[in-house]
Amino acid sequence: MTHDTDPSQVEAPVEPGQAEQSTPRQDDAAPGSDARIAELEQSVTEFKEKWLRAEAENQNLLARAKRDVEDARQYAVQKFARDVVEVAENLRRALSSLPPAQEDEDSVLTKMREGIESTERSFISILERHGIHCEDPAGKPFDANHHQAMAEQPSAEHTPGTVMQAWTPTWTLHGRLLKPAMVVVAKAHEGGQAG
């Protein structure tokens, strides 16, 4: 019996040593490939570090920009606010210039005082709603960051360095100094230290 054989299925004769070379194995990597892998891993590590640094710088830049925008929004009116507090101080000066209230005073004077007081209260309330606050420093320790010393006076009743009198209050805008208080500061009495 004859068997027909398909010539495409006939294996070609194998020469000695040829079978081993036909398919390279993974273990037989080319010389120097370990060095190439280490080099690529080093590059990946460097690029990752650069990316992380760039990302951190980007986050810092975004945070700084956000802070700057917030500051600009909150403090953009600083110059205007400084001018506006002059009006509040003028209202206080107007009240201080009036004679003390008396029972038999003229009704015009009484109504004028009440009108100025009401206007001052309303005005201060509006300023406070917009972040502008005033503080009377009288009796508190002198603070060069918030007070401007206009004079020093010896005093037996006040501790040296205490604000004896405030000509104007300290004004702040959202906690930032807007206008320092003009103050008179106590110094040690010539007869000795105040106790």
N, C-alpha and C. Protein backbone atom coordinates (compact mmCIF):
# COMPACT_ATOMS: atom_id res chain seq x y z
N MET A 1 0.81 -1.17 0.00
CA MET A 1 0.00 0.00 0.00
C MET A 1 0.86 1.24 0.00
N THR A 2 0.45 2.12 -0.83
CA THR A 2 1.24 3.35 -0.95
C THR A 2 0.51 4.45 -0.21
N HIS A 3 1.29 5.15 0.40
CA HIS A 3 0.72 6.31 1.13
C HIS A 3 1.12 7.55 0.39
N ASP A 4 0.09 8.35 0.13
CA ASP A 4 0.42 9.66 -0.48
C ASP A 4 0.80 10.61 0.63
N THR A 5 1.83 11.29 0.42
CA THR A 5 2.27 12.26 1.43
C THR A 5 2.21 13.65 0.85
N ASP A 6 1.76 14.48 1.67
CA ASP A 6 1.69 15.90 1.27
C ASP A 6 3.08 16.49 1.39
N PRO A 7 3.63 17.02 0.28
CA PRO A 7 5.00 17.51 0.36
C PRO A 7 5.15 18.66 1.33
N SER A 8 4.08 19.43 1.60
CA SER A 8 4.20 20.57 2.53
C SER A 8 4.34 20.10 3.96
N GLN A 9 3.92 18.85 4.20
CA GLN A 9 4.00 18.35 5.55
C GLN A 9 5.26 17.57 5.83
N VAL A 10 6.05 17.47 4.84
CA VAL A 10 7.30 16.74 5.01
C VAL A 10 8.29 17.68 5.66
N GLU A 11 8.92 17.20 6.68
CA GLU A 11 9.88 18.04 7.37
C GLU A 11 11.16 18.07 6.59
N ALA A 12 11.74 19.27 6.57
CA ALA A 12 13.02 19.40 5.88
C ALA A 12 14.08 18.77 6.74
N PRO A 13 15.11 18.23 6.12
CA PRO A 13 16.15 17.61 6.92
C PRO A 13 16.82 18.67 7.80
N VAL A 14 17.12 18.29 8.98
CA VAL A 14 17.71 19.20 9.95
C VAL A 14 19.20 18.95 10.00
N GLU A 15 19.92 20.05 9.88
CA GLU A 15 21.36 19.92 9.96
C GLU A 15 21.75 19.94 11.42
N PRO A 16 22.88 19.35 11.71
CA PRO A 16 23.29 19.30 13.12
C PRO A 16 23.50 20.71 13.67
N GLY A 17 22.99 20.98 14.89
CA GLY A 17 23.16 22.29 15.57
C GLY A 17 22.16 23.34 15.13
N GLN A 18 21.35 23.03 14.06
CA GLN A 18 20.42 24.04 13.55
C GLN A 18 19.19 24.14 14.44
N ALA A 19 18.69 23.08 15.02
CA ALA A 19 17.48 23.10 15.83
C ALA A 19 17.64 23.99 17.04
N GLU A 20 18.79 24.03 17.63
CA GLU A 20 19.01 24.83 18.83
C GLU A 20 18.93 26.32 18.52
N GLN A 21 19.27 26.74 17.30
CA GLN A 21 19.34 28.16 16.97
C GLN A 21 18.04 28.72 16.45
N SER A 22 17.09 27.90 16.07
CA SER A 22 15.89 28.40 15.41
C SER A 22 15.05 29.32 16.28
N THR A 23 14.86 29.05 17.56
CA THR A 23 14.08 29.93 18.45
C THR A 23 14.93 30.34 19.63
N PRO A 24 15.25 31.66 19.75
CA PRO A 24 16.07 32.10 20.88
C PRO A 24 15.29 32.00 22.17
N ARG A 25 15.96 31.63 23.23
CA ARG A 25 15.31 31.53 24.53
C ARG A 25 15.49 32.83 25.29
N GLN A 26 14.62 33.06 26.25
CA GLN A 26 14.66 34.28 27.03
C GLN A 26 15.94 34.39 27.85
N ASP A 27 16.47 33.27 28.32
CA ASP A 27 17.66 33.32 29.15
C ASP A 27 18.86 33.81 28.36
N ASP A 28 18.86 33.53 27.03
CA ASP A 28 20.02 33.87 26.22
C ASP A 28 19.88 35.29 25.68
N ALA A 29 19.63 36.27 26.57
CA ALA A 29 19.51 37.66 26.14
C ALA A 29 20.87 38.12 25.67
N ALA A 30 20.84 39.10 24.79
CA ALA A 30 22.09 39.61 24.22
C ALA A 30 22.94 40.19 25.32
N PRO A 31 24.24 40.10 25.18
CA PRO A 31 25.12 40.67 26.20
C PRO A 31 24.87 42.17 26.30
N GLY A 32 24.88 42.71 27.52
CA GLY A 32 24.66 44.14 27.73
C GLY A 32 23.20 44.53 27.90
N SER A 33 22.25 43.59 27.72
CA SER A 33 20.84 43.94 27.86
C SER A 33 20.48 44.24 29.32
N ASP A 34 21.14 43.61 30.28
CA ASP A 34 20.91 43.93 31.70
C ASP A 34 21.30 45.38 31.97
N ALA A 35 22.38 45.80 31.37
CA ALA A 35 22.82 47.20 31.54
C ALA A 35 21.80 48.14 30.92
N ARG A 36 21.24 47.73 29.75
CA ARG A 36 20.24 48.57 29.07
C ARG A 36 18.97 48.68 29.92
N ILE A 37 18.57 47.58 30.52
CA ILE A 37 17.38 47.59 31.40
C ILE A 37 17.61 48.49 32.60
N ALA A 38 18.79 48.39 33.21
CA ALA A 38 19.11 49.23 34.37
C ALA A 38 19.12 50.71 33.97
N GLU A 39 19.63 50.97 32.77
CA GLU A 39 19.66 52.35 32.28
C GLU A 39 18.24 52.89 32.07
N LEU A 40 17.39 52.08 31.50
CA LEU A 40 15.99 52.48 31.28
C LEU A 40 15.26 52.68 32.60
N GLU A 41 15.50 51.78 33.56
CA GLU A 41 14.87 51.92 34.88
C GLU A 41 15.34 53.21 35.56
N GLN A 42 16.63 53.54 35.42
CA GLN A 42 17.16 54.78 35.98
C GLN A 42 16.48 55.99 35.34
N SER A 43 16.30 55.93 34.01
CA SER A 43 15.62 57.02 33.29
C SER A 43 14.19 57.18 33.78
N VAL A 44 13.50 56.07 33.94
CA VAL A 44 12.11 56.10 34.43
C VAL A 44 12.07 56.76 35.82
N THR A 45 13.00 56.37 36.69
CA THR A 45 13.06 56.94 38.05
C THR A 45 13.30 58.45 38.00
N GLU A 46 14.24 58.86 37.13
CA GLU A 46 14.54 60.30 37.02
C GLU A 46 13.34 61.08 36.50
N PHE A 47 12.68 60.54 35.45
CA PHE A 47 11.51 61.22 34.90
C PHE A 47 10.38 61.29 35.92
N LYS A 48 10.23 60.23 36.71
CA LYS A 48 9.18 60.22 37.74
C LYS A 48 9.46 61.29 38.80
N GLU A 49 10.73 61.40 39.22
CA GLU A 49 11.10 62.42 40.21
C GLU A 49 10.88 63.82 39.66
N LYS A 50 11.27 64.03 38.39
CA LYS A 50 11.05 65.35 37.76
C LYS A 50 9.57 65.67 37.68
N TRP A 51 8.78 64.66 37.31
CA TRP A 51 7.34 64.88 37.22
C TRP A 51 6.74 65.22 38.59
N LEU A 52 7.18 64.48 39.64
CA LEU A 52 6.67 64.76 40.98
C LEU A 52 7.05 66.16 41.44
N ARG A 53 8.30 66.59 41.16
CA ARG A 53 8.72 67.95 41.52
C ARG A 53 7.89 68.99 40.76
N ALA A 54 7.70 68.76 39.47
CA ALA A 54 6.90 69.69 38.65
C ALA A 54 5.47 69.75 39.16
N GLU A 55 4.92 68.61 39.53
CA GLU A 55 3.54 68.57 40.06
C GLU A 55 3.45 69.34 41.37
N ALA A 56 4.46 69.16 42.26
CA ALA A 56 4.46 69.88 43.54
C ALA A 56 4.58 71.39 43.31
N GLU A 57 5.45 71.79 42.38
CA GLU A 57 5.58 73.22 42.06
C GLU A 57 4.28 73.77 41.50
N ASN A 58 3.62 72.98 40.66
CA ASN A 58 2.35 73.39 40.08
C ASN A 58 1.29 73.59 41.17
N GLN A 59 1.23 72.65 42.13
CA GLN A 59 0.28 72.77 43.23
C GLN A 59 0.57 74.01 44.08
N ASN A 60 1.87 74.27 44.35
CA ASN A 60 2.24 75.47 45.11
C ASN A 60 1.85 76.73 44.36
N LEU A 61 2.07 76.74 43.05
CA LEU A 61 1.72 77.89 42.22
C LEU A 61 0.22 78.13 42.25
N LEU A 62 -0.56 77.06 42.14
CA LEU A 62 -2.02 77.19 42.19
C LEU A 62 -2.48 77.73 43.55
N ALA A 63 -1.89 77.21 44.63
CA ALA A 63 -2.26 77.67 45.98
C ALA A 63 -1.91 79.14 46.15
N ARG A 64 -0.70 79.53 45.67
CA ARG A 64 -0.27 80.93 45.78
C ARG A 64 -1.19 81.84 44.96
N ALA A 65 -1.55 81.41 43.76
CA ALA A 65 -2.45 82.20 42.91
C ALA A 65 -3.82 82.36 43.57
N LYS A 66 -4.30 81.29 44.18
CA LYS A 66 -5.60 81.35 44.87
C LYS A 66 -5.54 82.33 46.03
N ARG A 67 -4.41 82.27 46.81
CA ARG A 67 -4.22 83.20 47.92
C ARG A 67 -4.16 84.64 47.43
N ASP A 68 -3.44 84.86 46.33
CA ASP A 68 -3.31 86.21 45.79
C ASP A 68 -4.66 86.76 45.33
N VAL A 69 -5.46 85.91 44.69
CA VAL A 69 -6.79 86.34 44.24
C VAL A 69 -7.66 86.67 45.45
N GLU A 70 -7.59 85.83 46.49
CA GLU A 70 -8.38 86.07 47.70
C GLU A 70 -7.94 87.37 48.38
N ASP A 71 -6.62 87.59 48.48
CA ASP A 71 -6.11 88.84 49.06
C ASP A 71 -6.56 90.04 48.24
N ALA A 72 -6.46 89.92 46.93
CA ALA A 72 -6.87 91.03 46.06
C ALA A 72 -8.35 91.33 46.27
N ARG A 73 -9.15 90.28 46.39
CA ARG A 73 -10.59 90.48 46.59
C ARG A 73 -10.87 91.15 47.93
N GLN A 74 -10.19 90.67 48.99
CA GLN A 74 -10.45 91.20 50.33
C GLN A 74 -9.86 92.58 50.56
N TYR A 75 -8.67 92.83 49.99
CA TYR A 75 -7.96 94.06 50.33
C TYR A 75 -7.90 95.08 49.21
N ALA A 76 -8.62 94.84 48.11
CA ALA A 76 -8.61 95.78 46.99
C ALA A 76 -9.16 97.14 47.41
N VAL A 77 -10.03 97.15 48.38
CA VAL A 77 -10.66 98.40 48.82
C VAL A 77 -9.89 99.08 49.96
N GLN A 78 -8.66 98.62 50.20
CA GLN A 78 -7.91 99.12 51.36
C GLN A 78 -7.74 100.65 51.33
N LYS A 79 -7.35 101.20 50.19
CA LYS A 79 -7.15 102.65 50.11
C LYS A 79 -8.47 103.38 50.33
N PHE A 80 -9.53 102.88 49.71
CA PHE A 80 -10.85 103.48 49.90
C PHE A 80 -11.29 103.37 51.36
N ALA A 81 -11.07 102.21 51.96
CA ALA A 81 -11.47 101.98 53.36
C ALA A 81 -10.71 102.94 54.28
N ARG A 82 -9.43 103.18 54.01
CA ARG A 82 -8.64 104.10 54.84
C ARG A 82 -9.24 105.51 54.78
N ASP A 83 -9.71 105.91 53.60
CA ASP A 83 -10.35 107.23 53.47
C ASP A 83 -11.70 107.26 54.18
N VAL A 84 -12.42 106.15 54.11
CA VAL A 84 -13.76 106.09 54.71
C VAL A 84 -13.68 106.20 56.24
N VAL A 85 -12.66 105.60 56.85
CA VAL A 85 -12.59 105.67 58.31
C VAL A 85 -12.34 107.10 58.80
N GLU A 86 -11.82 107.95 57.91
CA GLU A 86 -11.68 109.38 58.27
C GLU A 86 -13.05 109.97 58.59
N VAL A 87 -14.06 109.54 57.84
CA VAL A 87 -15.43 110.05 58.07
C VAL A 87 -15.90 109.60 59.45
N ALA A 88 -15.64 108.35 59.80
CA ALA A 88 -16.05 107.85 61.13
C ALA A 88 -15.34 108.64 62.22
N GLU A 89 -14.05 108.93 62.02
CA GLU A 89 -13.30 109.70 63.02
C GLU A 89 -13.84 111.14 63.11
N ASN A 90 -14.25 111.70 61.98
CA ASN A 90 -14.81 113.06 62.00
C ASN A 90 -16.15 113.09 62.73
N LEU A 91 -16.95 112.05 62.59
CA LEU A 91 -18.20 111.98 63.35
C LEU A 91 -17.91 111.95 64.85
N ARG A 92 -16.88 111.18 65.25
CA ARG A 92 -16.50 111.10 66.66
C ARG A 92 -16.01 112.46 67.15
N ARG A 93 -15.22 113.16 66.31
CA ARG A 93 -14.74 114.50 66.69
C ARG A 93 -15.90 115.47 66.83
N ALA A 94 -16.90 115.37 65.97
CA ALA A 94 -18.08 116.23 66.04
C ALA A 94 -18.79 116.02 67.37
N LEU A 95 -18.93 114.75 67.78
CA LEU A 95 -19.59 114.46 69.06
C LEU A 95 -18.76 114.98 70.23
N SER A 96 -17.44 114.83 70.14
CA SER A 96 -16.57 115.27 71.23
C SER A 96 -16.55 116.79 71.36
N SER A 97 -16.81 117.49 70.27
CA SER A 97 -16.76 118.95 70.32
C SER A 97 -18.03 119.56 70.95
N LEU A 98 -19.09 118.75 71.03
CA LEU A 98 -20.32 119.25 71.65
C LEU A 98 -20.16 119.31 73.17
N PRO A 99 -20.81 120.28 73.81
CA PRO A 99 -20.75 120.33 75.27
C PRO A 99 -21.45 119.11 75.87
N PRO A 100 -21.05 118.71 77.07
CA PRO A 100 -21.70 117.56 77.71
C PRO A 100 -23.22 117.77 77.82
N ALA A 101 -23.96 116.67 77.70
CA ALA A 101 -25.43 116.75 77.77
C ALA A 101 -25.87 117.24 79.15
N GLN A 102 -26.86 118.14 79.15
CA GLN A 102 -27.44 118.65 80.40
C GLN A 102 -28.95 118.58 80.29
N GLU A 103 -29.59 118.58 81.44
CA GLU A 103 -31.05 118.47 81.44
C GLU A 103 -31.71 119.68 80.80
N ASP A 104 -31.19 120.86 81.04
CA ASP A 104 -31.85 122.08 80.56
C ASP A 104 -31.25 122.62 79.26
N GLU A 105 -30.54 121.74 78.50
CA GLU A 105 -29.93 122.23 77.26
C GLU A 105 -30.98 122.46 76.19
N ASP A 106 -30.61 123.24 75.21
CA ASP A 106 -31.49 123.57 74.09
C ASP A 106 -31.85 122.28 73.33
N SER A 107 -33.09 122.17 72.92
CA SER A 107 -33.55 120.94 72.23
C SER A 107 -32.84 120.76 70.89
N VAL A 108 -32.42 121.84 70.27
CA VAL A 108 -31.70 121.74 69.00
C VAL A 108 -30.37 121.01 69.23
N LEU A 109 -29.69 121.37 70.31
CA LEU A 109 -28.42 120.75 70.64
C LEU A 109 -28.62 119.26 70.96
N THR A 110 -29.68 118.95 71.69
CA THR A 110 -29.99 117.55 72.02
C THR A 110 -30.23 116.74 70.76
N LYS A 111 -31.06 117.30 69.85
CA LYS A 111 -31.37 116.59 68.60
C LYS A 111 -30.13 116.45 67.72
N MET A 112 -29.27 117.47 67.73
CA MET A 112 -28.04 117.38 66.94
C MET A 112 -27.16 116.26 67.47
N ARG A 113 -27.01 116.19 68.79
CA ARG A 113 -26.20 115.13 69.41
C ARG A 113 -26.77 113.76 69.07
N GLU A 114 -28.08 113.61 69.24
CA GLU A 114 -28.72 112.33 68.96
C GLU A 114 -28.58 111.94 67.49
N GLY A 115 -28.69 112.91 66.60
CA GLY A 115 -28.55 112.65 65.16
C GLY A 115 -27.14 112.20 64.80
N ILE A 116 -26.14 112.89 65.36
CA ILE A 116 -24.74 112.51 65.07
C ILE A 116 -24.44 111.13 65.67
N GLU A 117 -24.92 110.86 66.89
CA GLU A 117 -24.70 109.55 67.51
C GLU A 117 -25.33 108.44 66.69
N SER A 118 -26.57 108.68 66.22
CA SER A 118 -27.28 107.68 65.42
C SER A 118 -26.55 107.44 64.09
N THR A 119 -26.09 108.52 63.47
CA THR A 119 -25.34 108.39 62.21
C THR A 119 -24.04 107.63 62.42
N GLU A 120 -23.34 107.93 63.52
CA GLU A 120 -22.09 107.24 63.81
C GLU A 120 -22.33 105.74 64.04
N ARG A 121 -23.34 105.39 64.83
CA ARG A 121 -23.64 103.97 65.10
C ARG A 121 -23.94 103.24 63.79
N SER A 122 -24.77 103.84 62.95
CA SER A 122 -25.15 103.22 61.68
C SER A 122 -23.93 103.07 60.77
N PHE A 123 -23.10 104.10 60.72
CA PHE A 123 -21.92 104.08 59.87
C PHE A 123 -20.93 103.00 60.32
N ILE A 124 -20.68 102.93 61.63
CA ILE A 124 -19.76 101.91 62.18
C ILE A 124 -20.31 100.51 61.89
N SER A 125 -21.62 100.33 62.00
CA SER A 125 -22.24 99.04 61.73
C SER A 125 -22.03 98.63 60.27
N ILE A 126 -22.16 99.57 59.34
CA ILE A 126 -21.93 99.29 57.92
C ILE A 126 -20.47 98.91 57.69
N LEU A 127 -19.55 99.66 58.31
CA LEU A 127 -18.13 99.34 58.15
C LEU A 127 -17.82 97.93 58.65
N GLU A 128 -18.38 97.57 59.81
CA GLU A 128 -18.13 96.25 60.38
C GLU A 128 -18.66 95.13 59.49
N ARG A 129 -19.79 95.35 58.84
CA ARG A 129 -20.34 94.35 57.92
C ARG A 129 -19.39 94.09 56.76
N HIS A 130 -18.56 95.07 56.44
CA HIS A 130 -17.62 94.94 55.32
C HIS A 130 -16.19 94.67 55.79
N GLY A 131 -16.03 94.22 57.04
CA GLY A 131 -14.73 93.80 57.53
C GLY A 131 -13.85 94.89 58.11
N ILE A 132 -14.39 96.09 58.27
CA ILE A 132 -13.61 97.20 58.84
C ILE A 132 -13.99 97.33 60.31
N HIS A 133 -12.99 97.18 61.18
CA HIS A 133 -13.26 97.23 62.63
C HIS A 133 -12.37 98.28 63.29
N CYS A 134 -12.89 98.86 64.36
CA CYS A 134 -12.08 99.80 65.14
C CYS A 134 -11.97 99.29 66.57
N GLU A 135 -10.84 99.62 67.19
CA GLU A 135 -10.61 99.19 68.56
C GLU A 135 -9.99 100.34 69.33
N ASP A 136 -10.53 100.62 70.49
CA ASP A 136 -10.00 101.66 71.37
C ASP A 136 -8.88 101.04 72.19
N PRO A 137 -7.64 101.51 72.03
CA PRO A 137 -6.52 100.88 72.73
C PRO A 137 -6.26 101.42 74.13
N ALA A 138 -7.07 102.38 74.59
CA ALA A 138 -6.83 102.98 75.91
C ALA A 138 -6.80 101.91 77.00
N GLY A 139 -5.75 101.96 77.85
CA GLY A 139 -5.60 101.02 78.95
C GLY A 139 -4.89 99.73 78.57
N LYS A 140 -4.57 99.56 77.29
CA LYS A 140 -3.89 98.34 76.84
C LYS A 140 -2.40 98.60 76.67
N PRO A 141 -1.58 97.57 76.65
CA PRO A 141 -0.15 97.77 76.43
C PRO A 141 0.10 98.35 75.03
N PHE A 142 1.08 99.21 74.92
CA PHE A 142 1.44 99.81 73.64
C PHE A 142 1.94 98.72 72.70
N ASP A 143 1.43 98.71 71.47
CA ASP A 143 1.83 97.73 70.45
C ASP A 143 2.24 98.52 69.20
N ALA A 144 3.53 98.53 68.90
CA ALA A 144 4.04 99.32 67.77
C ALA A 144 3.45 98.87 66.44
N ASN A 145 2.90 97.65 66.38
CA ASN A 145 2.28 97.18 65.14
C ASN A 145 0.90 97.77 64.91
N HIS A 146 0.26 98.28 65.98
CA HIS A 146 -1.10 98.81 65.86
C HIS A 146 -1.27 100.23 66.40
N HIS A 147 -0.24 100.74 67.05
CA HIS A 147 -0.35 102.07 67.66
C HIS A 147 0.79 102.97 67.21
N GLN A 148 0.50 104.25 67.11
CA GLN A 148 1.54 105.23 66.82
C GLN A 148 1.62 106.17 68.03
N ALA A 149 2.76 106.15 68.72
CA ALA A 149 2.92 106.97 69.92
C ALA A 149 3.11 108.43 69.50
N MET A 150 2.21 109.28 69.94
CA MET A 150 2.30 110.70 69.63
C MET A 150 3.00 111.45 70.77
N ALA A 151 2.95 110.87 71.97
CA ALA A 151 3.61 111.49 73.13
C ALA A 151 3.78 110.44 74.22
N GLU A 152 4.69 110.74 75.13
CA GLU A 152 4.89 109.93 76.34
C GLU A 152 4.69 110.86 77.53
N GLN A 153 3.98 110.38 78.52
CA GLN A 153 3.76 111.19 79.71
C GLN A 153 4.05 110.37 80.96
N PRO A 154 4.68 111.00 81.95
CA PRO A 154 4.87 110.28 83.21
C PRO A 154 3.51 110.06 83.88
N SER A 155 3.38 108.91 84.50
CA SER A 155 2.11 108.60 85.16
C SER A 155 2.35 107.69 86.36
N ALA A 156 1.73 108.06 87.48
CA ALA A 156 1.80 107.21 88.68
C ALA A 156 0.68 106.18 88.65
N GLU A 157 -0.38 106.44 87.86
CA GLU A 157 -1.55 105.54 87.83
C GLU A 157 -1.43 104.43 86.79
N HIS A 158 -0.60 104.62 85.78
CA HIS A 158 -0.50 103.65 84.68
C HIS A 158 0.85 102.96 84.69
N THR A 159 0.85 101.70 84.33
CA THR A 159 2.10 100.95 84.16
C THR A 159 2.85 101.53 82.97
N PRO A 160 4.16 101.70 83.07
CA PRO A 160 4.91 102.22 81.91
C PRO A 160 4.68 101.33 80.68
N GLY A 161 4.48 101.98 79.54
CA GLY A 161 4.22 101.25 78.30
C GLY A 161 2.75 101.02 78.03
N THR A 162 1.88 101.54 78.92
CA THR A 162 0.44 101.40 78.73
C THR A 162 -0.09 102.61 77.97
N VAL A 163 -1.08 102.39 77.12
CA VAL A 163 -1.72 103.50 76.41
C VAL A 163 -2.61 104.23 77.41
N MET A 164 -2.24 105.49 77.70
CA MET A 164 -3.02 106.30 78.64
C MET A 164 -4.25 106.90 77.96
N GLN A 165 -4.05 107.32 76.73
CA GLN A 165 -5.10 108.03 76.02
C GLN A 165 -4.97 107.71 74.53
N ALA A 166 -6.10 107.52 73.85
CA ALA A 166 -6.09 107.29 72.41
C ALA A 166 -6.80 108.45 71.73
N TRP A 167 -6.09 109.13 70.85
CA TRP A 167 -6.71 110.23 70.10
C TRP A 167 -7.58 109.69 68.98
N THR A 168 -7.17 108.55 68.43
CA THR A 168 -7.97 107.87 67.40
C THR A 168 -7.89 106.36 67.68
N PRO A 169 -8.87 105.59 67.20
CA PRO A 169 -8.83 104.14 67.41
C PRO A 169 -7.91 103.45 66.39
N THR A 170 -7.65 102.17 66.62
CA THR A 170 -6.95 101.33 65.65
C THR A 170 -8.00 100.82 64.68
N TRP A 171 -7.73 100.96 63.39
CA TRP A 171 -8.65 100.47 62.36
C TRP A 171 -8.01 99.31 61.61
N THR A 172 -8.78 98.23 61.42
CA THR A 172 -8.30 97.07 60.67
C THR A 172 -9.30 96.70 59.58
N LEU A 173 -8.79 96.08 58.52
CA LEU A 173 -9.62 95.57 57.43
C LEU A 173 -9.37 94.07 57.35
N HIS A 174 -10.36 93.26 57.70
CA HIS A 174 -10.22 91.80 57.74
C HIS A 174 -8.98 91.39 58.54
N GLY A 175 -8.73 92.06 59.66
CA GLY A 175 -7.62 91.72 60.52
C GLY A 175 -6.30 92.38 60.15
N ARG A 176 -6.20 92.97 58.99
CA ARG A 176 -4.97 93.65 58.56
C ARG A 176 -5.05 95.12 58.95
N LEU A 177 -3.93 95.65 59.47
CA LEU A 177 -3.92 97.04 59.92
C LEU A 177 -4.26 97.97 58.77
N LEU A 178 -5.22 98.85 59.03
CA LEU A 178 -5.64 99.85 58.05
C LEU A 178 -5.09 101.22 58.43
N LYS A 179 -5.23 101.52 59.73
CA LYS A 179 -4.75 102.81 60.24
C LYS A 179 -4.42 102.65 61.73
N PRO A 180 -3.18 102.98 62.12
CA PRO A 180 -2.82 102.81 63.53
C PRO A 180 -3.49 103.86 64.41
N ALA A 181 -3.67 103.51 65.67
CA ALA A 181 -4.23 104.46 66.64
C ALA A 181 -3.16 105.49 67.01
N MET A 182 -3.57 106.74 67.17
CA MET A 182 -2.67 107.80 67.64
C MET A 182 -2.84 107.83 69.16
N VAL A 183 -1.75 107.54 69.88
CA VAL A 183 -1.89 107.32 71.33
C VAL A 183 -0.85 108.11 72.14
N VAL A 184 -1.19 108.27 73.41
CA VAL A 184 -0.28 108.82 74.41
C VAL A 184 0.09 107.65 75.32
N VAL A 185 1.40 107.43 75.48
CA VAL A 185 1.88 106.26 76.24
C VAL A 185 2.43 106.69 77.57
N ALA A 186 2.14 105.90 78.61
CA ALA A 186 2.64 106.19 79.96
C ALA A 186 4.10 105.81 80.06
N LYS A 187 4.85 106.66 80.77
CA LYS A 187 6.23 106.30 81.10
C LYS A 187 6.37 106.38 82.60
N ALA A 188 7.47 105.88 83.12
CA ALA A 188 7.66 105.84 84.58
C ALA A 188 7.57 107.26 85.15
N HIS A 189 6.84 107.37 86.26
CA HIS A 189 6.68 108.65 86.94
C HIS A 189 8.04 109.09 87.48
N GLU A 190 8.31 110.37 87.43
CA GLU A 190 9.61 110.85 87.90
C GLU A 190 9.91 110.47 89.34
N GLY A 191 8.88 110.28 90.13
CA GLY A 191 9.07 109.90 91.53
C GLY A 191 9.41 108.44 91.70
N GLY A 192 9.41 107.64 90.60
CA GLY A 192 9.70 106.20 90.67
C GLY A 192 8.80 105.44 89.74
N GLN A 193 8.94 104.16 89.73
CA GLN A 193 8.14 103.31 88.84
C GLN A 193 6.71 103.24 89.33
N ALA A 194 5.79 103.16 88.35
CA ALA A 194 4.38 102.99 88.71
C ALA A 194 4.16 101.55 89.12
N GLY A 195 3.27 101.32 90.06
CA GLY A 195 3.07 99.96 90.53
C GLY A 195 1.81 99.48 90.16
